[in-house]
Amino acid sequence: MRARFFAISVWAGAFLGGLSSSVSADTALLIVNDRYSAAQNLREGREIEALRRPLEEAGFDVILTRDADGDDMRDALAELLDIADEDRVLIAAIGHFARSSGGNWLLGSDARRTNLAQVGGDGLDLDVMMEVAARVPGRSIVLLGQERRRIDLGAGLNAGLGQIAPPQGVTAVVGAPSDLADLVSDVLLVPGANLPGAINGSRGLRGYGFLSASVPFLGSEGSDTPQVLPPAPILPQASGDELALWNAAVELANAAAYRRYLERYPNGAYAAQARAEIAALEADPTSLAEAAEEVLQLDREARREIQRDLAILGHYDRGIDGVLGDGSRAAIVAWQASAGYDQTGYLDAGQITALSSQADIRAAEIEAQEVAALAEAERADRAYWQVTGQGATERGLRQYLDRYPNGQFAGEAARRLVEYDELAWNDASAADNVPGYEAYLRDYPQGEYANAARHRIAQLTGQVQPWPNAPTPSSPFAQQETALNLPPVTRSILEQRLAALGLNPGRIDGRFDNQTRSAIANFQQSRGLQVTGFFDSPTVAQLLENAFGGIIQLEGVFR
């Protein structure tokens, strides 16, 4: 919300405008937008705000609005509609400006990437401001203060001021806020001062509209000569080609573009403005840096490389997308500060080379650190393998795998544990008693033969009954097994697998007798398969799964 201040000063002496004894009703509107929620803040807002006191002392009513949105600025401007014809009006407005081919706007402090369709609500139309000032022709001045600070705008808009064309009788001056503040204090509030001479003698100020050395903003002290408004000056007209080149220069807003315009039109309609723009740009190191970077015409990959270099040096932690937005610019500023450069946020060719060299050195350091860290990790891995016995004991193998599940010796440790599993199973099946199988399960609860051990315990404790009768060869289950067409070698392997699981299939001869059928049925029951006593595809697949450490593959078993 804006803050407003009002002051009325009654002069005992002669009125500055020439009336012998009256109360001044001159009005000054100060719009100071220097803190933006979605753009870089301005640096010189206090300079304009500080004009309140000298203006009050000169007899002006002062309306001050600070960091206002569009509605607040329009409300403040509306207060000037009640001024009398004999009053003076001074409007000083600073902030971020936006332009299009159709006009200029002072943006409210809450503007966020406003576009051409929205800017009427987010900002104050300068044409409206000029029209309000034109209600007292010859007695109104509009000061527009801008700084080279970044703001992101939407479609149809560009940052900064475009063409300034005040209506008849209105003086407009554009420049840095500090220069405008000096102009008010040293010229405008000095009776009889030569305003056009002061503007022409300044490097950073540009004047537009009504500029007459014979009609000062404040008349000479003691003068009773009324001010007479002379005819509006005839401004030079730009041709279509000149106007197009000028619009292009305004669009690029860099010194090179303005110089191209002057080379072709040294006495053109916008020559004075072009020279003033060049002077302002060259006085601003950020603008110079931006122009230097623009000359490089960096492509997308070059911008990505800059982001990668900044990331390597620890200044950037966002996406490597080749778009040098606010995050990248902030990273560039941080790097420039660390490297002793001016902190502009833009890079020239020499800085890009220096940035790349620093990043290469840092990348080599990081790589060396990673190599050293890897070597240290491998040394610790090897040392722990030795400490745990290099696989000599089952306990040592488990300790190693717990610490280094993906270590240098993890494959060997896992293979040796399988061998220990096999040996433990052989001991249990040789004893073929409940304590032996329970001992196996304690040591290998997830072992290769854990299911077989549990099934054998169930058999030995009477929980599972043997296969009762020999199935008939004509049963559908027998026909299903026959259809598998198992070759003799596969039949023997299946019997060997049943035997290895402790299911006692009988003689290993490739012939499936009643004892073999009982072993098949017990296996099917232990795996949750349909209990038939005959082989089918699921039974064969599960029985041979991971057999012999995965050497046997199911492909080609059925022939």
Protein backbone atom coordinates (compact mmCIF):
# COMPACT_ATOMS: atom_id res chain seq x y z
CA MET A 1 0.00 0.00 0.00
CA ARG A 2 1.40 3.45 -0.86
CA ALA A 3 2.26 6.09 1.69
CA ARG A 4 1.10 9.66 1.06
CA PHE A 5 2.40 12.90 2.51
CA PHE A 6 0.82 16.33 2.11
CA ALA A 7 2.30 19.72 2.94
CA ILE A 8 1.13 23.26 2.30
CA SER A 9 3.54 26.18 2.63
CA VAL A 10 2.34 29.81 2.64
CA TRP A 11 4.94 32.16 1.32
CA ALA A 12 4.96 35.57 2.99
CA GLY A 13 6.85 37.09 0.12
CA ALA A 14 6.14 37.22 -3.56
CA PHE A 15 4.76 34.05 -5.13
CA LEU A 16 7.32 32.37 -7.35
CA GLY A 17 5.04 32.42 -10.34
CA GLY A 18 4.66 36.15 -10.24
CA LEU A 19 1.51 36.65 -8.11
CA SER A 20 2.27 39.19 -5.40
CA SER A 21 0.62 37.52 -2.45
CA SER A 22 -1.13 34.19 -2.65
CA VAL A 23 -1.14 30.65 -1.36
CA SER A 24 0.53 28.23 -3.75
CA ALA A 25 -1.48 25.21 -4.80
CA ASP A 26 1.29 23.66 -6.91
CA THR A 27 1.32 19.87 -6.68
CA ALA A 28 4.04 17.25 -6.99
CA LEU A 29 3.32 13.55 -7.42
CA LEU A 30 6.26 11.27 -6.54
CA ILE A 31 5.85 7.60 -7.55
CA VAL A 32 8.76 5.56 -6.16
CA ASN A 33 8.66 1.88 -7.14
CA ASP A 34 12.07 0.46 -6.25
CA ARG A 35 11.19 -2.82 -4.53
CA TYR A 36 9.74 -5.46 -6.86
CA SER A 37 8.56 -8.93 -5.89
CA ALA A 38 9.57 -10.49 -9.23
CA ALA A 39 12.39 -8.29 -10.59
CA GLN A 40 15.66 -6.71 -9.57
CA ASN A 41 15.23 -3.82 -7.16
CA LEU A 42 16.28 -0.29 -8.12
CA ARG A 43 19.15 1.37 -6.31
CA GLU A 44 18.26 5.08 -6.42
CA GLY A 45 14.65 5.25 -5.20
CA ARG A 46 15.62 7.19 -2.09
CA GLU A 47 16.93 10.00 -4.28
CA ILE A 48 13.42 10.75 -5.57
CA GLU A 49 11.75 10.17 -2.21
CA ALA A 50 14.14 12.73 -0.68
CA LEU A 51 12.67 15.43 -2.95
CA ARG A 52 9.60 15.63 -0.73
CA ARG A 53 11.12 18.14 1.67
CA PRO A 54 12.59 20.60 -0.89
CA LEU A 55 9.34 20.49 -2.84
CA GLU A 56 7.33 21.24 0.29
CA GLU A 57 9.69 24.08 1.13
CA ALA A 58 9.10 25.44 -2.38
CA GLY A 59 5.36 25.50 -1.71
CA PHE A 60 4.25 22.26 -3.38
CA ASP A 61 1.63 19.89 -2.07
CA VAL A 62 3.41 16.52 -2.25
CA ILE A 63 1.73 13.20 -2.95
CA LEU A 64 4.16 10.34 -2.37
CA THR A 65 3.28 6.78 -3.30
CA ARG A 66 5.83 4.03 -2.69
CA ASP A 67 6.06 0.48 -4.10
CA ALA A 68 2.51 0.77 -5.40
CA ASP A 69 0.52 -1.56 -7.60
CA GLY A 70 -1.36 -0.43 -10.69
CA ASP A 71 -4.53 0.56 -8.84
CA ASP A 72 -2.66 2.66 -6.27
CA MET A 73 -0.72 4.52 -8.95
CA ARG A 74 -3.91 5.32 -10.85
CA ASP A 75 -5.57 6.53 -7.64
CA ALA A 76 -2.64 8.87 -6.94
CA LEU A 77 -2.67 10.21 -10.49
CA ALA A 78 -6.41 10.88 -10.22
CA GLU A 79 -5.76 13.39 -7.44
CA LEU A 80 -4.12 15.67 -10.01
CA LEU A 81 -7.39 16.01 -11.94
CA ASP A 82 -8.55 18.72 -9.50
CA ILE A 83 -5.64 21.09 -10.09
CA ALA A 84 -6.42 24.63 -11.24
CA ASP A 85 -5.26 26.09 -14.55
CA GLU A 86 -2.77 28.42 -12.86
CA ASP A 87 -1.10 25.67 -10.79
CA ARG A 88 2.12 23.92 -11.57
CA VAL A 89 2.41 20.12 -11.72
CA LEU A 90 5.53 18.05 -11.30
CA ILE A 91 5.33 14.27 -11.68
CA ALA A 92 8.42 12.19 -10.89
CA ALA A 93 8.00 8.45 -11.45
CA ILE A 94 10.66 5.75 -11.17
CA GLY A 95 10.53 2.00 -11.47
CA HIS A 96 10.57 -0.73 -14.10
CA PHE A 97 9.06 0.39 -17.40
CA ALA A 98 7.61 -1.78 -20.15
CA ARG A 99 7.09 -0.83 -23.76
CA SER A 100 5.36 -2.06 -26.88
CA SER A 101 4.85 -0.53 -30.31
CA GLY A 102 1.74 1.11 -28.91
CA GLY A 103 2.88 2.68 -25.65
CA ASN A 104 4.81 2.73 -22.38
CA TRP A 105 3.83 1.67 -18.86
CA LEU A 106 5.28 2.13 -15.39
CA LEU A 107 4.93 -1.30 -13.77
CA GLY A 108 3.49 -1.84 -10.31
CA SER A 109 5.77 -3.41 -7.74
CA ASP A 110 3.70 -6.63 -7.75
CA ALA A 111 3.92 -7.20 -11.53
CA ARG A 112 4.89 -10.77 -12.36
CA ARG A 113 5.88 -11.51 -15.96
CA THR A 114 3.07 -9.29 -17.17
CA ASN A 115 2.23 -9.40 -20.87
CA LEU A 116 0.67 -6.99 -23.35
CA ALA A 117 -2.85 -8.12 -22.44
CA GLN A 118 -2.31 -7.66 -18.69
CA VAL A 119 -0.08 -4.60 -18.48
CA GLY A 120 -2.99 -2.18 -18.40
CA GLY A 121 -3.92 -3.53 -14.98
CA ASP A 122 -0.40 -4.18 -13.72
CA GLY A 123 0.97 -0.77 -14.61
CA LEU A 124 0.24 2.92 -15.20
CA ASP A 125 -0.13 4.04 -18.83
CA LEU A 126 2.33 6.89 -19.47
CA ASP A 127 0.07 8.35 -22.16
CA VAL A 128 -2.59 8.82 -19.47
CA MET A 129 0.00 10.37 -17.17
CA MET A 130 1.00 12.81 -19.93
CA GLU A 131 -2.62 13.66 -20.66
CA VAL A 132 -3.24 14.51 -17.00
CA ALA A 133 -0.13 16.70 -17.01
CA ALA A 134 -1.37 18.42 -20.19
CA ARG A 135 -4.30 19.90 -18.23
CA VAL A 136 -1.91 22.74 -17.27
CA PRO A 137 0.13 23.24 -20.48
CA GLY A 138 3.39 25.09 -20.06
CA ARG A 139 3.32 24.52 -16.31
CA SER A 140 3.80 20.74 -16.08
CA ILE A 141 6.88 18.55 -16.05
CA VAL A 142 7.03 14.74 -16.08
CA LEU A 143 10.26 13.09 -14.91
CA LEU A 144 10.75 9.39 -15.71
CA GLY A 145 13.55 7.65 -13.85
CA GLN A 146 14.84 4.28 -14.99
CA GLU A 147 17.80 2.06 -14.15
CA ARG A 148 19.36 -0.80 -16.07
CA ARG A 149 17.94 -3.57 -13.93
CA ARG A 150 16.54 -6.96 -14.97
CA ILE A 151 12.87 -7.86 -15.22
CA ASP A 152 11.18 -10.73 -17.08
CA LEU A 153 8.18 -9.75 -19.18
CA GLY A 154 5.60 -11.74 -21.09
CA ALA A 155 4.55 -11.75 -24.73
CA GLY A 156 4.26 -8.40 -26.50
CA LEU A 157 6.39 -6.38 -24.06
CA ASN A 158 10.01 -5.33 -23.76
CA ALA A 159 11.77 -3.75 -20.81
CA GLY A 160 12.50 -0.03 -20.76
CA LEU A 161 10.98 3.05 -22.32
CA GLY A 162 10.08 3.35 -25.98
CA GLN A 163 9.30 6.50 -27.93
CA ILE A 164 8.36 9.49 -25.72
CA ALA A 165 5.98 11.99 -27.36
CA PRO A 166 4.46 14.38 -24.77
CA PRO A 167 1.36 16.39 -25.69
CA GLN A 168 1.65 20.14 -26.32
CA GLY A 169 2.84 22.09 -23.32
CA VAL A 170 4.21 19.12 -21.37
CA THR A 171 7.93 18.75 -20.66
CA ALA A 172 9.22 15.20 -20.22
CA VAL A 173 12.70 14.32 -18.99
CA VAL A 174 14.13 10.79 -18.91
CA GLY A 175 17.22 9.72 -16.99
CA ALA A 176 18.63 8.01 -13.94
CA PRO A 177 16.75 8.78 -10.70
CA SER A 178 19.81 10.44 -9.15
CA ASP A 179 20.24 12.73 -12.17
CA LEU A 180 16.55 13.64 -12.06
CA ALA A 181 16.75 14.41 -8.35
CA ASP A 182 19.68 16.76 -9.01
CA LEU A 183 17.71 18.39 -11.83
CA VAL A 184 14.80 19.12 -9.49
CA SER A 185 16.97 20.51 -6.68
CA ASP A 186 19.47 22.44 -8.79
CA VAL A 187 17.33 23.62 -11.72
CA LEU A 188 13.56 23.19 -11.50
CA LEU A 189 13.28 24.73 -8.02
CA VAL A 190 15.58 27.61 -8.90
CA PRO A 191 13.55 30.59 -10.15
CA GLY A 192 14.40 31.54 -13.72
CA ALA A 193 16.69 28.53 -14.30
CA ASN A 194 17.33 27.41 -17.89
CA LEU A 195 15.89 23.88 -18.10
CA PRO A 196 16.84 23.09 -21.75
CA GLY A 197 20.40 24.27 -21.07
CA ALA A 198 20.66 22.02 -18.03
CA ILE A 199 19.40 19.00 -19.98
CA ASN A 200 21.75 19.62 -22.90
CA GLY A 201 24.66 19.96 -20.49
CA SER A 202 23.96 16.60 -18.89
CA ARG A 203 25.22 13.29 -20.25
CA GLY A 204 22.42 11.21 -18.78
CA LEU A 205 19.25 13.30 -19.28
CA ARG A 206 17.00 13.43 -22.34
CA GLY A 207 14.32 16.04 -22.79
CA TYR A 208 11.14 15.80 -24.85
CA GLY A 209 8.19 18.05 -25.65
CA PHE A 210 7.93 21.63 -24.43
CA LEU A 211 11.45 22.94 -23.80
CA SER A 212 11.89 26.71 -23.75
CA ALA A 213 14.73 28.67 -22.20
CA SER A 214 12.53 31.74 -22.08
CA VAL A 215 9.82 30.10 -19.98
CA PRO A 216 11.34 28.62 -16.78
CA PHE A 217 9.36 26.22 -14.59
CA LEU A 218 9.54 28.82 -11.79
CA GLY A 219 9.50 32.45 -12.91
CA SER A 220 12.17 34.89 -11.75
CA GLU A 221 11.69 36.16 -8.24
CA GLY A 222 9.71 39.37 -8.16
CA SER A 223 8.59 39.01 -11.77
CA ASP A 224 5.01 39.85 -12.52
CA THR A 225 5.23 38.87 -16.15
CA PRO A 226 2.76 36.09 -16.87
CA GLN A 227 4.12 33.01 -18.58
CA VAL A 228 3.03 32.70 -22.20
CA LEU A 229 2.92 29.29 -23.80
CA PRO A 230 4.78 29.36 -27.11
CA PRO A 231 3.75 27.17 -30.03
CA ALA A 232 4.74 23.54 -29.69
CA PRO A 233 8.05 22.81 -31.35
CA ILE A 234 7.99 21.06 -34.68
CA LEU A 235 9.71 17.74 -34.17
CA PRO A 236 11.49 16.02 -37.05
CA GLN A 237 9.51 13.25 -38.65
CA ALA A 238 10.98 9.82 -39.22
CA SER A 239 10.56 7.94 -42.51
CA GLY A 240 9.35 4.37 -42.58
CA ASP A 241 12.89 2.93 -42.95
CA GLU A 242 14.28 5.21 -40.24
CA LEU A 243 11.43 4.37 -37.88
CA ALA A 244 11.95 0.65 -38.48
CA LEU A 245 15.69 0.95 -37.74
CA TRP A 246 14.98 3.00 -34.63
CA ASN A 247 12.43 0.48 -33.36
CA ALA A 248 14.99 -2.27 -33.91
CA ALA A 249 17.56 -0.30 -31.90
CA VAL A 250 15.07 0.21 -29.08
CA GLU A 251 14.25 -3.50 -29.17
CA LEU A 252 17.93 -4.49 -28.82
CA ALA A 253 18.62 -1.65 -26.37
CA ASN A 254 22.40 -1.81 -26.69
CA ALA A 255 25.03 0.71 -27.72
CA ALA A 256 25.89 -1.11 -30.96
CA ALA A 257 22.28 -0.92 -32.15
CA TYR A 258 22.02 2.81 -31.39
CA ARG A 259 25.31 3.42 -33.20
CA ARG A 260 24.01 1.61 -36.29
CA TYR A 261 21.06 3.98 -36.26
CA LEU A 262 23.35 7.04 -35.97
CA GLU A 263 25.63 5.82 -38.76
CA ARG A 264 22.70 5.81 -41.13
CA TYR A 265 20.76 8.76 -39.70
CA PRO A 266 23.25 11.09 -37.95
CA ASN A 267 20.68 13.92 -38.00
CA GLY A 268 17.60 11.73 -37.75
CA ALA A 269 14.49 12.28 -35.71
CA TYR A 270 15.89 10.15 -32.87
CA ALA A 271 19.57 11.10 -33.14
CA ALA A 272 19.64 13.00 -29.86
CA GLN A 273 17.86 10.21 -28.05
CA ALA A 274 20.23 7.63 -29.56
CA ARG A 275 23.27 9.58 -28.34
CA ALA A 276 21.74 9.92 -24.90
CA GLU A 277 21.01 6.18 -24.78
CA ILE A 278 24.60 5.39 -25.76
CA ALA A 279 25.92 7.71 -23.05
CA ALA A 280 23.67 6.10 -20.44
CA LEU A 281 24.67 2.59 -21.51
CA GLU A 282 28.37 3.38 -21.47
CA ALA A 283 28.03 4.87 -17.99
CA ASP A 284 26.48 1.63 -16.71
CA PRO A 285 28.96 -1.28 -16.29
CA THR A 286 26.15 -3.83 -16.28
CA SER A 287 24.88 -2.61 -19.64
CA LEU A 288 28.40 -2.68 -21.05
CA ALA A 289 28.87 -6.25 -19.83
CA GLU A 290 25.52 -7.30 -21.27
CA ALA A 291 26.45 -5.81 -24.63
CA ALA A 292 29.85 -7.55 -24.56
CA GLU A 293 28.19 -10.90 -23.94
CA GLU A 294 25.60 -10.28 -26.64
CA VAL A 295 28.35 -9.69 -29.21
CA LEU A 296 29.62 -13.24 -28.56
CA GLN A 297 26.34 -14.71 -29.87
CA LEU A 298 26.61 -17.71 -27.52
CA ASP A 299 24.74 -20.74 -28.81
CA ARG A 300 22.81 -23.19 -26.63
CA GLU A 301 25.74 -25.55 -26.15
CA ALA A 302 28.08 -22.71 -25.18
CA ARG A 303 25.57 -21.58 -22.55
CA ARG A 304 25.27 -25.17 -21.28
CA GLU A 305 29.06 -25.32 -20.97
CA ILE A 306 28.99 -22.14 -18.87
CA GLN A 307 26.39 -23.71 -16.58
CA ARG A 308 28.45 -26.93 -16.30
CA ASP A 309 31.57 -24.93 -15.41
CA LEU A 310 29.66 -22.96 -12.77
CA ALA A 311 28.28 -26.22 -11.35
CA ILE A 312 31.76 -27.79 -11.16
CA LEU A 313 32.96 -24.74 -9.24
CA GLY A 314 30.05 -25.03 -6.80
CA HIS A 315 28.16 -21.88 -7.82
CA TYR A 316 25.25 -23.47 -9.71
CA ASP A 317 22.92 -26.31 -8.71
CA ARG A 318 20.09 -26.13 -11.24
CA GLY A 319 19.40 -27.77 -14.58
CA ILE A 320 21.96 -27.65 -17.40
CA ASP A 321 19.50 -26.33 -19.98
CA GLY A 322 21.42 -23.58 -21.78
CA VAL A 323 19.01 -20.89 -20.56
CA LEU A 324 20.87 -18.17 -18.65
CA GLY A 325 18.02 -17.14 -16.36
CA ASP A 326 18.05 -15.61 -12.91
CA GLY A 327 19.67 -18.68 -11.31
CA SER A 328 22.49 -18.71 -13.87
CA ARG A 329 23.01 -14.96 -13.58
CA ALA A 330 23.21 -15.22 -9.80
CA ALA A 331 25.78 -18.01 -10.20
CA ILE A 332 27.81 -15.84 -12.59
CA VAL A 333 27.75 -12.98 -10.06
CA ALA A 334 28.98 -15.38 -7.34
CA TRP A 335 31.80 -16.61 -9.57
CA GLN A 336 32.76 -13.07 -10.59
CA ALA A 337 32.94 -12.09 -6.92
CA SER A 338 35.20 -15.07 -6.16
CA ALA A 339 37.43 -14.33 -9.16
CA GLY A 340 37.75 -10.58 -8.56
CA TYR A 341 35.69 -9.37 -11.54
CA ASP A 342 32.97 -6.70 -11.58
CA GLN A 343 29.78 -8.42 -10.47
CA THR A 344 27.58 -7.73 -13.51
CA GLY A 345 26.09 -11.18 -14.10
CA TYR A 346 27.32 -11.14 -17.72
CA LEU A 347 30.44 -12.68 -19.22
CA ASP A 348 32.87 -11.46 -21.82
CA ALA A 349 35.21 -13.68 -23.84
CA GLY A 350 38.07 -13.38 -21.36
CA GLN A 351 35.87 -14.28 -18.40
CA ILE A 352 34.45 -17.30 -20.21
CA THR A 353 38.02 -18.51 -20.86
CA ALA A 354 38.96 -17.95 -17.21
CA LEU A 355 35.80 -19.72 -16.03
CA SER A 356 36.53 -22.70 -18.28
CA SER A 357 40.14 -22.93 -17.07
CA GLN A 358 39.11 -22.84 -13.42
CA ALA A 359 36.47 -25.49 -14.06
CA ASP A 360 39.00 -27.75 -15.85
CA ILE A 361 41.39 -27.48 -12.90
CA ARG A 362 38.61 -28.20 -10.42
CA ALA A 363 37.33 -31.13 -12.50
CA ALA A 364 40.82 -32.63 -12.50
CA GLU A 365 40.99 -32.18 -8.72
CA ILE A 366 37.60 -33.86 -8.28
CA GLU A 367 38.63 -36.73 -10.54
CA ALA A 368 41.85 -37.21 -8.58
CA GLN A 369 39.89 -37.19 -5.33
CA GLU A 370 37.46 -39.78 -6.71
CA VAL A 371 40.33 -42.01 -7.89
CA ALA A 372 41.97 -41.74 -4.48
CA ALA A 373 38.67 -42.47 -2.73
CA LEU A 374 38.09 -45.51 -4.97
CA ALA A 375 41.60 -46.80 -4.33
CA GLU A 376 41.08 -46.37 -0.59
CA ALA A 377 37.72 -48.19 -0.77
CA GLU A 378 39.31 -51.07 -2.68
CA ARG A 379 42.17 -51.23 -0.18
CA ALA A 380 39.71 -51.40 2.73
CA ASP A 381 37.68 -54.06 0.88
CA ARG A 382 40.75 -56.21 0.29
CA ALA A 383 41.95 -55.75 3.86
CA TYR A 384 38.59 -56.88 5.27
CA TRP A 385 38.63 -59.95 3.00
CA GLN A 386 41.96 -60.86 4.51
CA VAL A 387 40.79 -60.15 8.07
CA THR A 388 37.77 -62.44 7.63
CA GLY A 389 39.98 -65.31 6.46
CA GLN A 390 39.77 -64.93 2.67
CA GLY A 391 36.79 -67.26 2.56
CA ALA A 392 38.29 -69.97 4.72
CA THR A 393 35.26 -70.13 7.04
CA GLU A 394 31.56 -69.83 6.53
CA ARG A 395 31.34 -67.21 9.32
CA GLY A 396 34.04 -65.12 7.66
CA LEU A 397 32.21 -65.29 4.33
CA ARG A 398 28.99 -64.03 5.90
CA GLN A 399 30.80 -61.21 7.69
CA TYR A 400 32.42 -60.11 4.45
CA LEU A 401 29.15 -60.13 2.49
CA ASP A 402 27.36 -58.19 5.23
CA ARG A 403 29.87 -55.35 4.90
CA TYR A 404 30.63 -55.55 1.18
CA PRO A 405 27.60 -57.08 -0.61
CA ASN A 406 28.98 -55.72 -3.92
CA GLY A 407 32.65 -55.92 -3.03
CA GLN A 408 35.58 -57.21 -5.04
CA PHE A 409 35.23 -60.71 -3.57
CA ALA A 410 31.42 -60.84 -3.27
CA GLY A 411 31.04 -63.27 -6.17
CA GLU A 412 33.61 -65.65 -4.77
CA ALA A 413 32.10 -65.41 -1.27
CA ALA A 414 28.62 -66.21 -2.57
CA ARG A 415 29.93 -69.20 -4.54
CA ARG A 416 31.74 -70.58 -1.50
CA LEU A 417 28.63 -70.21 0.66
CA VAL A 418 26.77 -72.37 -1.87
CA GLU A 419 29.48 -74.99 -1.47
CA TYR A 420 29.11 -74.85 2.33
CA ASP A 421 25.33 -75.21 1.85
CA GLU A 422 25.88 -78.32 -0.27
CA LEU A 423 28.24 -79.86 2.28
CA ALA A 424 25.83 -79.20 5.15
CA TRP A 425 22.99 -80.80 3.19
CA ASN A 426 25.06 -83.84 2.41
CA ASP A 427 25.76 -84.27 6.13
CA ALA A 428 22.08 -83.89 7.01
CA SER A 429 20.80 -86.30 4.35
CA ALA A 430 23.50 -88.83 5.30
CA ALA A 431 22.27 -88.79 8.91
CA ASP A 432 18.66 -88.73 7.67
CA ASN A 433 17.17 -87.84 11.07
CA VAL A 434 15.19 -84.92 12.49
CA PRO A 435 18.12 -83.39 14.51
CA GLY A 436 20.33 -83.42 11.41
CA TYR A 437 17.75 -81.67 9.23
CA GLU A 438 16.94 -79.16 11.98
CA ALA A 439 20.66 -78.37 12.33
CA TYR A 440 20.79 -77.73 8.58
CA LEU A 441 17.78 -75.37 8.79
CA ARG A 442 19.36 -73.44 11.68
CA ASP A 443 22.47 -72.75 9.64
CA TYR A 444 20.73 -72.32 6.26
CA PRO A 445 17.11 -71.15 6.77
CA GLN A 446 17.10 -69.84 3.19
CA GLY A 447 19.40 -72.51 1.80
CA GLU A 448 19.04 -74.38 -1.44
CA TYR A 449 17.72 -77.46 0.36
CA ALA A 450 15.61 -75.78 3.04
CA ASN A 451 12.28 -76.96 1.58
CA ALA A 452 13.57 -80.51 1.20
CA ALA A 453 14.75 -80.52 4.83
CA ARG A 454 11.36 -79.34 6.08
CA HIS A 455 9.59 -81.96 3.96
CA ARG A 456 11.84 -84.74 5.19
CA ILE A 457 11.23 -83.68 8.80
CA ALA A 458 7.50 -83.89 8.07
CA GLN A 459 7.96 -87.38 6.69
CA LEU A 460 10.04 -88.54 9.61
CA THR A 461 7.52 -87.17 12.13
CA GLY A 462 4.53 -88.73 10.33
CA GLN A 463 3.07 -85.48 9.05
CA VAL A 464 3.38 -86.60 5.38
CA GLN A 465 2.40 -90.06 4.22
CA PRO A 466 4.31 -91.99 1.48
CA TRP A 467 2.68 -92.46 -1.91
CA PRO A 468 0.14 -95.22 -1.23
CA ASN A 469 -0.33 -97.05 -4.51
CA ALA A 470 1.31 -97.28 -7.90
CA PRO A 471 -0.66 -95.15 -10.37
CA THR A 472 -1.95 -96.86 -13.48
CA PRO A 473 -0.20 -96.17 -16.80
CA SER A 474 -3.57 -95.25 -18.33
CA SER A 475 -4.26 -92.33 -15.95
CA PRO A 476 -4.42 -88.83 -17.55
CA PHE A 477 -1.45 -87.81 -15.40
CA ALA A 478 0.61 -90.65 -16.86
CA GLN A 479 -0.41 -89.60 -20.37
CA GLN A 480 0.60 -85.99 -19.55
CA GLU A 481 4.05 -87.20 -18.47
CA THR A 482 4.40 -89.34 -21.60
CA ALA A 483 3.61 -86.29 -23.74
CA LEU A 484 6.67 -84.54 -22.29
CA ASN A 485 8.83 -87.06 -24.16
CA LEU A 486 11.63 -86.83 -21.58
CA PRO A 487 14.92 -88.22 -22.93
CA PRO A 488 16.75 -90.82 -20.79
CA VAL A 489 19.43 -88.38 -19.66
CA THR A 490 16.79 -85.91 -18.44
CA ARG A 491 14.93 -88.68 -16.58
CA SER A 492 18.13 -89.58 -14.77
CA ILE A 493 18.84 -85.93 -13.93
CA LEU A 494 15.34 -85.62 -12.45
CA GLU A 495 15.93 -88.67 -10.27
CA GLN A 496 19.30 -87.29 -9.18
CA ARG A 497 17.63 -84.01 -8.25
CA LEU A 498 14.99 -85.81 -6.16
CA ALA A 499 17.73 -87.74 -4.43
CA ALA A 500 19.72 -84.57 -3.77
CA LEU A 501 16.65 -83.10 -2.08
CA GLY A 502 16.47 -86.14 0.22
CA LEU A 503 13.25 -87.51 -1.28
CA ASN A 504 14.63 -91.07 -1.87
CA PRO A 505 13.48 -91.79 -5.45
CA GLY A 506 15.17 -95.20 -5.47
CA ARG A 507 17.63 -96.46 -8.07
CA ILE A 508 18.92 -93.75 -10.41
CA ASP A 509 18.19 -95.47 -13.70
CA GLY A 510 15.77 -93.23 -15.57
CA ARG A 511 12.90 -95.62 -14.79
CA PHE A 512 10.13 -94.16 -12.66
CA ASP A 513 8.93 -96.92 -10.29
CA ASN A 514 6.60 -96.65 -7.32
CA GLN A 515 9.36 -95.28 -5.07
CA THR A 516 10.10 -92.63 -7.70
CA ARG A 517 6.39 -91.75 -7.88
CA SER A 518 6.32 -91.31 -4.10
CA ALA A 519 9.33 -88.96 -4.26
CA ILE A 520 7.67 -86.98 -7.08
CA ALA A 521 4.45 -86.68 -5.07
CA ASN A 522 6.33 -85.56 -1.95
CA PHE A 523 8.18 -82.93 -3.99
CA GLN A 524 4.92 -81.66 -5.51
CA GLN A 525 3.35 -81.42 -2.06
CA SER A 526 6.37 -79.50 -0.67
CA ARG A 527 6.13 -76.95 -3.50
CA GLY A 528 2.38 -76.45 -3.51
CA LEU A 529 1.93 -78.18 -6.86
CA GLN A 530 -0.84 -80.57 -7.85
CA VAL A 531 0.06 -83.91 -6.20
CA THR A 532 -0.11 -86.59 -8.92
CA GLY A 533 3.14 -88.57 -8.66
CA PHE A 534 3.76 -87.88 -12.33
CA PHE A 535 5.94 -85.26 -13.97
CA ASP A 536 4.34 -82.31 -15.70
CA SER A 537 5.89 -79.07 -16.99
CA PRO A 538 5.59 -77.07 -13.69
CA THR A 539 7.07 -79.97 -11.67
CA VAL A 540 10.03 -80.43 -14.02
CA ALA A 541 10.65 -76.65 -14.14
CA GLN A 542 10.71 -76.26 -10.35
CA LEU A 543 12.76 -79.39 -9.79
CA LEU A 544 15.46 -78.26 -12.21
CA GLU A 545 15.31 -74.60 -11.20
CA ASN A 546 18.79 -73.41 -10.10
CA ALA A 547 19.95 -77.03 -10.19
CA PHE A 548 23.69 -77.49 -9.80
CA GLY A 549 24.24 -73.79 -9.17
CA GLY A 550 22.36 -72.76 -12.28
CA ILE A 551 24.44 -74.80 -14.72
CA ILE A 552 21.49 -76.80 -16.00
CA GLN A 553 19.13 -74.73 -18.13
CA LEU A 554 15.54 -75.67 -18.85
CA GLU A 555 15.89 -74.91 -22.54
CA GLY A 556 16.21 -78.18 -24.40
CA VAL A 557 15.06 -80.41 -21.52
CA PHE A 558 11.88 -81.43 -23.29
CA ARG A 559 12.66 -83.18 -26.54
